[in-house]
Protein backbone atom coordinates (compact mmCIF):
# COMPACT_ATOMS: atom_id res chain seq x y z
CA MET A 1 -10.33 -36.41 -4.35
CA MET A 2 -11.75 -39.01 -1.98
CA GLU A 3 -14.96 -40.74 -2.97
CA PHE A 4 -17.25 -42.80 -0.83
CA SER A 5 -19.19 -45.76 -2.10
CA ASP A 6 -22.87 -46.03 -1.24
CA GLU A 7 -21.98 -48.94 1.06
CA LYS A 8 -19.31 -46.89 2.87
CA LEU A 9 -21.72 -43.96 3.34
CA LYS A 10 -24.42 -46.29 4.67
CA LEU A 11 -21.95 -47.81 7.13
CA LEU A 12 -20.79 -44.38 8.34
CA LYS A 13 -24.38 -43.16 8.76
CA SER A 14 -25.16 -46.12 10.98
CA SER A 15 -21.90 -46.37 12.93
CA ILE A 16 -21.14 -42.73 13.77
CA PRO A 17 -24.39 -42.16 15.75
CA LYS A 18 -23.69 -45.40 17.67
CA GLU A 19 -20.16 -44.26 18.51
CA ILE A 20 -21.35 -40.84 19.66
CA GLY A 21 -24.08 -42.51 21.72
CA ASN A 22 -21.51 -44.79 23.34
CA ARG A 23 -19.39 -41.75 24.23
CA VAL A 24 -22.40 -39.86 25.67
CA ARG A 25 -23.33 -42.88 27.81
CA HIS A 26 -19.72 -43.31 28.98
CA PHE A 27 -19.34 -39.69 30.08
CA ARG A 28 -22.86 -39.57 31.58
CA LYS A 29 -22.07 -42.54 33.79
CA GLU A 30 -18.66 -41.10 34.62
CA LYS A 31 -20.42 -37.95 35.89
CA GLY A 32 -22.91 -40.07 37.85
CA TYR A 33 -25.96 -38.78 35.98
CA THR A 34 -29.02 -40.84 35.17
CA GLN A 35 -30.53 -40.49 31.71
CA THR A 36 -33.35 -38.50 33.26
CA GLU A 37 -30.98 -36.10 35.00
CA LEU A 38 -28.90 -35.43 31.89
CA ALA A 39 -32.01 -35.07 29.75
CA GLN A 40 -33.36 -32.43 32.15
CA ILE A 41 -30.05 -30.53 32.11
CA VAL A 42 -30.01 -30.35 28.30
CA GLY A 43 -33.73 -29.74 27.89
CA LYS A 44 -34.59 -33.02 26.16
CA ASP A 45 -36.76 -35.90 27.24
CA ARG A 46 -35.31 -39.12 28.60
CA GLN A 47 -36.53 -41.18 25.65
CA TYR A 48 -34.63 -38.94 23.23
CA LEU A 49 -31.44 -39.27 25.28
CA TYR A 50 -31.96 -43.04 25.33
CA LYS A 51 -32.22 -43.02 21.52
CA ILE A 52 -29.03 -40.96 21.26
CA GLU A 53 -27.16 -43.39 23.50
CA LYS A 54 -28.41 -46.37 21.48
CA GLY A 55 -27.52 -44.71 18.16
CA LYS A 56 -31.15 -44.83 17.03
CA VAL A 57 -31.21 -41.10 16.22
CA THR A 58 -28.61 -38.74 14.83
CA PRO A 59 -28.52 -35.66 17.02
CA ASN A 60 -27.63 -32.38 15.36
CA VAL A 61 -24.36 -30.65 16.14
CA VAL A 62 -26.01 -28.15 18.51
CA THR A 63 -27.47 -30.98 20.62
CA ILE A 64 -24.09 -32.71 20.66
CA ALA A 65 -22.40 -29.47 21.75
CA ILE A 66 -24.98 -28.93 24.53
CA LEU A 67 -24.41 -32.50 25.74
CA ALA A 68 -20.64 -31.88 25.84
CA MET A 69 -21.15 -28.69 27.85
CA ALA A 70 -23.54 -30.44 30.26
CA LEU A 71 -21.03 -33.25 30.71
CA GLU A 72 -18.24 -30.67 31.16
CA ILE A 73 -16.07 -32.20 28.46
CA PRO A 74 -14.53 -30.77 25.30
CA LEU A 75 -16.77 -31.27 22.26
CA LYS A 76 -14.00 -33.25 20.57
CA ASP A 77 -14.26 -35.94 23.26
CA LEU A 78 -17.64 -37.02 21.88
CA PHE A 79 -15.96 -37.59 18.52
CA ASP A 80 -12.88 -39.28 19.94
CA PHE A 81 -13.20 -42.64 18.26
CA ASP A 82 -10.96 -44.13 15.63
CA GLU A 83 -11.82 -44.71 12.00
CA LYS A 84 -11.74 -48.49 12.48
CA SER A 85 -14.73 -48.34 14.81
CA THR A 86 -16.75 -46.50 12.15
CA THR A 87 -15.76 -48.69 9.23
CA LYS A 88 -16.25 -52.17 10.61
CA GLY A 89 -19.52 -53.98 10.09
CA SER A 90 -22.15 -53.50 12.77
């Protein structure tokens, strides 16, 4: 059984939201949306979308799924980052 140290869990909790935020920003720009436009599409305010993109908040899975649908990408694409990017120091 795999165990995670407190340090490893802390690192994952800080790096995964940043990676998801980076992916949201990448796909948003690829679609040509502003933060305001995407926020309106998904029913959130621009400041919240900004915080998602900066990794300052951890959106729930429903919000992540709605973002994927709005961006017209498979949900898995928002999680398409390798383990190295979530285990290195920030």
